[in-house]
Amino acid sequence: MKFEVRSPLHDQESIFIPSEVDHLAKPFNGTVCSRKGDEYAIENNIVDLLPKEREYTLAQSSNNWAITASVYEDLWRVRSLSLLTGEPFPIEKEKELLNQWVNPQPGKTYLDVGCSTAMYARALKKAEPKSRMVAIDYSEAMLVEARMKAEANQTDILLIRADAREMPFFAKTFDGIAMGGTLNELGDELKVLFECRRVLKDDGTMFMMHLIKSETWYGWIFQNSAEWSGLKFWTVEESNELFQRSGFRVVDQITKGIVCFTKLAVV
């Protein structure tokens, strides 16, 4: 079944992505276009719907490096929550919470925003193989790594290079959305949250994992020094205000150290 997306240049125009692109065991290369003639490349199953390069902060630019993408999940992500929470927090525990809150269903469609190596999308697909997973990121290097990991795990995902501030999707496309750690790296966090609200169905769920302001003096010093690279941190209250302003309500929330997990629903 083809997947309909919105042209990045013409809001009312559709682009249909062949279903074969999802099947990562078989390389797919080609192009897709809208009726207006704007054309986008598909290279090794990655659909490039980023019409132009954007400006990046240092934190965002580092995600474009192949070395960052190659070590991100295996060296950092699998250990990060234990380091950031100050207690044993294996990656499987995070995936369990993700699957519990998003609760993927057969035949429904889910989005991993700022997917990096698409760890969330792979976990949700494993939990419900008959669902459809779409994963977007602006970093080509991260998407290449995501493709390799998904293929190795025999997991079919639709990988799209796109700007989360202007997602190439029509309103109410997705039954659920997941975002892990990306909020802290965004320069336009409200704009991205509004986009998430736009493309999420009214009965959909959004899973959010992000870092909050540290309450310790040494944590504050580290976060304050990290802000020069483009990272942002909020208190739980400030984060929840962002969610509320963008059209979400908090259904459930768990904080561990400076890590905050939030289950969001549409207001």
Protein backbone atom coordinates (compact mmCIF):
# COMPACT_ATOMS: atom_id res chain seq x y z
CA MET A 1 0.00 0.00 0.00
CA LYS A 2 1.43 3.37 -1.04
CA PHE A 3 2.01 6.00 1.63
CA GLU A 4 0.69 9.50 0.95
CA VAL A 5 2.80 12.45 2.04
CA ARG A 6 2.50 16.17 1.48
CA SER A 7 4.77 17.97 -0.95
CA PRO A 8 7.33 20.06 0.96
CA LEU A 9 6.86 22.87 -1.57
CA HIS A 10 3.12 22.68 -2.34
CA ASP A 11 0.93 22.16 0.74
CA GLN A 12 -2.09 20.78 -1.09
CA GLU A 13 -0.20 18.40 -3.35
CA SER A 14 0.29 14.71 -2.61
CA ILE A 15 3.32 12.51 -3.17
CA PHE A 16 2.83 8.75 -3.10
CA ILE A 17 5.70 6.64 -1.84
CA PRO A 18 5.71 3.03 -3.12
CA SER A 19 5.19 0.37 -0.47
CA GLU A 20 8.40 -1.35 -1.60
CA VAL A 21 10.44 1.47 -0.03
CA ASP A 22 9.53 0.15 3.44
CA HIS A 23 10.97 -3.29 2.71
CA LEU A 24 14.57 -2.76 3.71
CA ALA A 25 15.79 -6.23 2.78
CA LYS A 26 15.67 -5.11 -0.86
CA PRO A 27 17.41 -1.83 -1.82
CA PHE A 28 15.12 0.67 -3.51
CA ASN A 29 16.32 3.66 -5.52
CA GLY A 30 14.35 6.12 -7.60
CA THR A 31 12.41 9.36 -7.39
CA VAL A 32 8.95 10.54 -6.38
CA CYS A 33 7.21 13.75 -7.32
CA SER A 34 4.02 15.74 -6.96
CA ARG A 35 1.75 16.84 -9.80
CA LYS A 36 3.46 20.25 -9.59
CA GLY A 37 6.67 18.60 -10.72
CA ASP A 38 8.79 18.92 -7.58
CA GLU A 39 10.91 15.78 -7.47
CA TYR A 40 12.64 13.98 -4.60
CA ALA A 41 15.23 11.23 -4.57
CA ILE A 42 14.98 7.84 -2.91
CA GLU A 43 18.44 6.42 -2.26
CA ASN A 44 18.82 3.00 -0.68
CA ASN A 45 15.24 3.23 0.71
CA ILE A 46 15.72 6.68 2.28
CA VAL A 47 13.29 9.26 0.91
CA ASP A 48 14.83 12.75 0.88
CA LEU A 49 11.99 15.25 1.38
CA LEU A 50 14.25 18.01 2.68
CA PRO A 51 13.85 20.68 -0.01
CA LYS A 52 16.84 22.70 1.15
CA GLU A 53 19.58 22.51 3.74
CA ARG A 54 18.88 24.28 7.01
CA GLU A 55 21.13 26.05 9.48
CA TYR A 56 22.28 23.90 12.37
CA THR A 57 23.48 24.51 15.89
CA LEU A 58 26.67 22.74 16.95
CA ALA A 59 24.63 20.05 18.73
CA GLN A 60 22.55 19.49 15.60
CA SER A 61 25.56 19.58 13.28
CA SER A 62 27.26 16.79 15.22
CA ASN A 63 24.36 14.51 14.28
CA ASN A 64 25.34 14.90 10.64
CA TRP A 65 28.71 13.30 11.26
CA ALA A 66 29.02 9.64 10.29
CA ILE A 67 31.11 8.90 13.39
CA THR A 68 28.36 10.27 15.65
CA ALA A 69 25.73 8.14 13.93
CA SER A 70 27.88 5.01 14.14
CA VAL A 71 28.39 5.22 17.93
CA TYR A 72 25.18 6.99 18.98
CA GLU A 73 23.05 3.98 19.88
CA ASP A 74 25.59 1.27 20.66
CA LEU A 75 27.95 3.34 22.81
CA TRP A 76 25.82 6.20 24.12
CA ARG A 77 22.10 5.52 23.92
CA VAL A 78 22.20 2.11 25.61
CA ARG A 79 23.97 3.66 28.64
CA SER A 80 22.63 7.20 28.66
CA LEU A 81 19.60 6.75 30.90
CA SER A 82 21.58 5.00 33.62
CA LEU A 83 24.09 7.86 33.55
CA LEU A 84 21.47 10.60 33.44
CA THR A 85 19.10 9.14 36.04
CA GLY A 86 21.82 8.07 38.46
CA GLU A 87 20.36 4.56 38.76
CA PRO A 88 20.34 1.39 36.67
CA PHE A 89 18.01 2.08 33.74
CA PRO A 90 18.51 -0.45 30.93
CA ILE A 91 17.38 0.44 27.44
CA GLU A 92 14.81 -2.37 27.52
CA LYS A 93 13.02 -0.61 30.39
CA GLU A 94 12.67 2.50 28.23
CA LYS A 95 11.32 0.42 25.34
CA GLU A 96 8.79 -1.23 27.65
CA LEU A 97 7.46 2.16 28.71
CA LEU A 98 7.37 3.31 25.09
CA ASN A 99 5.35 0.28 24.00
CA GLN A 100 3.05 0.50 27.01
CA TRP A 101 2.17 4.16 26.47
CA VAL A 102 2.01 4.20 22.66
CA ASN A 103 0.38 0.75 22.52
CA PRO A 104 0.86 0.16 18.78
CA GLN A 105 -2.03 -1.55 17.02
CA PRO A 106 -2.19 -3.60 13.80
CA GLY A 107 -2.97 -1.60 10.70
CA LYS A 108 -2.21 1.75 12.33
CA THR A 109 0.56 4.22 11.49
CA TYR A 110 3.13 5.71 13.86
CA LEU A 111 5.83 8.37 13.59
CA ASP A 112 9.28 8.56 15.18
CA VAL A 113 10.26 12.27 15.16
CA GLY A 114 13.94 13.14 15.17
CA CYS A 115 14.50 9.42 15.02
CA SER A 116 18.32 9.32 14.96
CA THR A 117 18.91 5.56 14.47
CA ALA A 118 15.14 4.87 14.68
CA MET A 119 15.41 2.95 17.94
CA TYR A 120 11.85 3.88 18.93
CA ALA A 121 10.41 2.97 15.53
CA ARG A 122 12.13 -0.41 15.61
CA ALA A 123 10.90 -1.12 19.14
CA LEU A 124 7.30 -0.25 18.24
CA LYS A 125 7.44 -2.32 15.06
CA LYS A 126 8.78 -5.28 17.00
CA ALA A 127 5.92 -4.93 19.48
CA GLU A 128 3.34 -4.85 16.67
CA PRO A 129 4.69 -6.14 13.34
CA LYS A 130 1.43 -5.37 11.53
CA SER A 131 1.67 -1.65 12.25
CA ARG A 132 3.40 0.83 9.93
CA MET A 133 6.35 2.87 11.17
CA VAL A 134 7.60 6.11 9.69
CA ALA A 135 10.83 7.64 10.99
CA ILE A 136 12.10 11.13 10.13
CA ASP A 137 15.33 12.97 10.79
CA TYR A 138 17.24 15.77 9.08
CA SER A 139 20.53 13.86 9.39
CA GLU A 140 21.37 11.66 6.42
CA ALA A 141 24.10 9.94 8.45
CA MET A 142 21.63 8.96 11.18
CA LEU A 143 19.12 7.66 8.62
CA VAL A 144 21.80 5.56 6.93
CA GLU A 145 22.65 4.02 10.30
CA ALA A 146 18.93 3.57 11.04
CA ARG A 147 18.51 1.70 7.77
CA MET A 148 21.40 -0.65 8.54
CA LYS A 149 20.11 -1.44 12.02
CA ALA A 150 16.54 -1.96 10.84
CA GLU A 151 17.64 -4.24 8.02
CA ALA A 152 19.85 -6.23 10.41
CA ASN A 153 16.86 -6.65 12.73
CA GLN A 154 14.59 -7.53 9.79
CA THR A 155 12.39 -4.56 10.66
CA ASP A 156 10.55 -2.66 7.92
CA ILE A 157 10.40 1.10 8.44
CA LEU A 158 9.75 4.01 6.10
CA LEU A 159 12.74 6.33 6.50
CA ILE A 160 12.31 9.96 5.46
CA ARG A 161 14.75 12.85 5.58
CA ALA A 162 12.67 15.85 6.56
CA ASP A 163 12.48 18.97 8.70
CA ALA A 164 10.36 18.43 11.81
CA ARG A 165 9.44 22.11 11.80
CA GLU A 166 7.59 21.60 8.50
CA MET A 167 6.68 17.94 8.30
CA PRO A 168 5.75 16.59 4.86
CA PHE A 169 2.54 15.00 6.14
CA PHE A 170 -1.13 15.90 5.98
CA ALA A 171 -3.09 16.65 9.15
CA LYS A 172 -4.15 13.72 11.32
CA THR A 173 -1.98 11.16 9.53
CA PHE A 174 -0.62 9.29 12.55
CA ASP A 175 -2.16 7.20 15.32
CA GLY A 176 0.82 7.78 17.57
CA ILE A 177 4.07 9.74 17.75
CA ALA A 178 7.30 9.14 19.65
CA MET A 179 10.14 11.58 20.28
CA GLY A 180 13.22 10.65 22.27
CA GLY A 181 15.69 13.34 23.37
CA THR A 182 15.08 15.52 20.32
CA LEU A 183 13.19 18.28 22.15
CA ASN A 184 16.38 19.49 23.86
CA GLU A 185 18.14 19.94 20.52
CA LEU A 186 15.44 21.91 18.73
CA GLY A 187 15.82 25.57 17.95
CA ASP A 188 12.06 25.94 17.37
CA GLU A 189 10.60 23.54 19.91
CA LEU A 190 7.11 25.07 19.88
CA LYS A 191 6.93 24.94 16.10
CA VAL A 192 7.88 21.24 16.12
CA LEU A 193 5.35 20.48 18.87
CA PHE A 194 2.64 22.29 16.89
CA GLU A 195 3.57 20.15 13.88
CA CYS A 196 3.31 17.01 15.99
CA ARG A 197 -0.14 18.11 17.11
CA ARG A 198 -1.16 18.80 13.51
CA VAL A 199 -0.19 15.39 12.13
CA LEU A 200 -1.47 13.38 15.13
CA LYS A 201 -5.02 12.06 15.09
CA ASP A 202 -7.41 13.41 17.72
CA ASP A 203 -7.40 10.11 19.62
CA GLY A 204 -3.65 9.59 19.21
CA THR A 205 -0.90 9.40 21.80
CA MET A 206 2.51 11.05 21.88
CA PHE A 207 5.44 9.61 23.83
CA MET A 208 8.05 12.17 24.86
CA MET A 209 11.43 11.63 26.49
CA HIS A 210 13.51 14.72 27.19
CA LEU A 211 15.95 16.16 29.71
CA ILE A 212 14.89 18.66 32.35
CA LYS A 213 16.86 21.21 34.36
CA SER A 214 19.13 19.70 36.96
CA GLU A 215 18.50 20.51 40.61
CA THR A 216 22.15 20.00 41.59
CA TRP A 217 24.80 22.71 41.31
CA TYR A 218 27.17 20.50 39.29
CA GLY A 219 24.36 19.47 36.96
CA TRP A 220 23.42 23.10 36.51
CA ILE A 221 27.01 24.00 35.61
CA PHE A 222 27.13 21.20 33.00
CA GLN A 223 23.79 22.15 31.45
CA ASN A 224 24.62 25.83 31.45
CA SER A 225 27.87 25.13 29.60
CA ALA A 226 26.03 22.85 27.14
CA GLU A 227 23.57 25.56 26.16
CA TRP A 228 26.19 27.33 24.06
CA SER A 229 26.06 24.36 21.67
CA GLY A 230 22.32 24.84 21.15
CA LEU A 231 20.87 22.49 23.78
CA LYS A 232 17.94 23.70 25.88
CA PHE A 233 16.61 22.54 29.23
CA TRP A 234 13.37 23.28 31.04
CA THR A 235 11.84 22.44 34.39
CA VAL A 236 8.97 19.95 34.39
CA GLU A 237 6.55 22.85 34.82
CA GLU A 238 8.08 24.77 31.91
CA SER A 239 8.01 21.66 29.73
CA ASN A 240 4.35 21.02 30.52
CA GLU A 241 3.56 24.61 29.62
CA LEU A 242 5.18 24.03 26.22
CA PHE A 243 3.04 20.95 25.73
CA GLN A 244 -0.13 22.79 26.74
CA ARG A 245 0.59 25.74 24.47
CA SER A 246 1.02 23.41 21.50
CA GLY A 247 -2.32 21.64 22.03
CA PHE A 248 -1.43 18.68 24.25
CA ARG A 249 -2.38 17.58 27.74
CA VAL A 250 -0.27 15.46 30.06
CA VAL A 251 -1.80 12.02 30.64
CA ASP A 252 1.08 10.50 32.58
CA GLN A 253 4.59 11.56 33.55
CA ILE A 254 7.65 9.98 35.14
CA THR A 255 10.87 11.76 36.13
CA LYS A 256 14.12 10.01 36.96
CA GLY A 257 17.02 12.35 37.69
CA ILE A 258 17.09 14.79 34.80
CA VAL A 259 15.14 12.44 32.49
CA CYS A 260 11.45 13.07 31.99
CA PHE A 261 9.03 10.68 30.27
CA THR A 262 5.64 12.11 29.31
CA LYS A 263 2.55 10.58 27.77
CA LEU A 264 0.64 13.25 25.85
CA ALA A 265 -2.83 13.34 24.36
CA VAL A 266 -4.59 15.92 22.23
CA VAL A 267 -6.54 18.60 24.09
